């Protein structure tokens, strides 16, 4: 999956947050919906996203996480 074909970042759209190309849907919004139990079909039915666009959001997040070792606070 080449997520770069599906994700854009424009400082004039959604304050420069990474978005699904051609939409104002941010990657973090898509990921949050998935974490809340939404299915790819729910995103398709409610927002017209394709499975490829959803996977691209996940791929972008994975690539971003590889940029640095995140620190998670405990307690």
Protein backbone atom coordinates (compact mmCIF):
# COMPACT_ATOMS: atom_id res chain seq x y z
CA UNK A 1 0.00 0.00 0.00
CA UNK A 2 1.39 3.35 -1.04
CA UNK A 3 -0.37 5.63 1.43
CA UNK A 4 1.24 8.71 -0.19
CA UNK A 5 -1.26 8.37 -3.05
CA UNK A 6 -4.18 8.84 -0.64
CA UNK A 7 -2.97 11.28 2.03
CA UNK A 8 -2.37 14.99 1.48
CA UNK A 9 -1.28 17.82 3.71
CA UNK A 10 -2.14 21.41 2.82
CA UNK A 11 -1.76 24.29 5.27
CA UNK A 12 -5.02 25.80 3.94
CA UNK A 13 -7.09 22.65 4.61
CA UNK A 14 -7.96 21.56 8.16
CA UNK A 15 -5.09 23.61 9.61
CA UNK A 16 -2.55 21.53 7.71
CA UNK A 17 -3.50 18.20 9.28
CA UNK A 18 -2.95 15.14 7.07
CA UNK A 19 -6.21 14.41 5.23
CA UNK A 20 -7.65 11.83 2.90
CA UNK A 21 -6.96 13.30 -0.56
CA UNK A 22 -9.90 15.19 -1.99
CA UNK A 23 -11.69 15.41 1.36
CA UNK A 24 -11.56 17.36 4.57
CA UNK A 25 -11.46 14.14 6.58
CA UNK A 26 -8.32 14.04 8.69
CA UNK A 27 -6.26 10.93 9.30
CA UNK A 28 -6.74 11.31 13.05
CA UNK A 29 -10.53 11.42 12.57
CA UNK A 30 -10.49 8.18 10.56
CA UNK A 31 -8.26 6.47 13.13
CA UNK A 32 -10.39 7.70 16.02
CA UNK A 33 -13.53 6.31 14.40
CA UNK A 34 -11.81 2.93 13.95
CA UNK A 35 -10.69 2.98 17.59
CA UNK A 36 -14.30 3.66 18.59
CA UNK A 37 -15.38 0.44 16.93
CA UNK A 38 -16.42 1.71 13.52
CA UNK A 39 -15.89 -0.69 10.64
CA UNK A 40 -14.51 0.20 7.23
CA UNK A 41 -18.09 -0.26 6.00
CA UNK A 42 -19.29 2.39 8.47
CA UNK A 43 -16.74 4.87 7.13
CA UNK A 44 -17.82 3.99 3.58
CA UNK A 45 -21.51 4.38 4.32
CA UNK A 46 -21.18 7.60 6.34
CA UNK A 47 -18.32 9.36 4.57
CA UNK A 48 -17.84 7.60 1.23
CA UNK A 49 -14.34 6.35 2.09
CA UNK A 50 -12.93 3.36 0.27
CA UNK A 51 -11.12 0.52 2.02
CA UNK A 52 -7.91 1.76 0.34
CA UNK A 53 -8.34 5.22 1.85
CA UNK A 54 -8.84 3.75 5.31
CA UNK A 55 -5.77 1.52 4.94
CA UNK A 56 -3.82 4.56 3.75
CA UNK A 57 -4.72 6.39 6.98
CA UNK A 58 -3.46 3.40 8.95
CA UNK A 59 -0.32 3.22 6.83
CA UNK A 60 0.36 6.92 7.37
CA UNK A 61 0.03 6.47 11.12
CA UNK A 62 2.39 3.49 11.09
CA UNK A 63 4.96 5.43 9.07
CA UNK A 64 4.67 8.40 11.42
CA UNK A 65 5.19 6.17 14.46
CA UNK A 66 8.41 4.84 12.95
CA UNK A 67 9.87 8.36 12.82
CA UNK A 68 10.69 8.33 16.52
CA UNK A 69 10.29 6.05 19.48
CA UNK A 70 7.19 7.35 21.23
CA UNK A 71 7.29 7.68 25.00
CA UNK A 72 4.23 6.53 26.85
CA UNK A 73 3.77 7.80 30.36
CA UNK A 74 2.76 5.24 32.93
CA UNK A 75 0.62 6.05 35.92
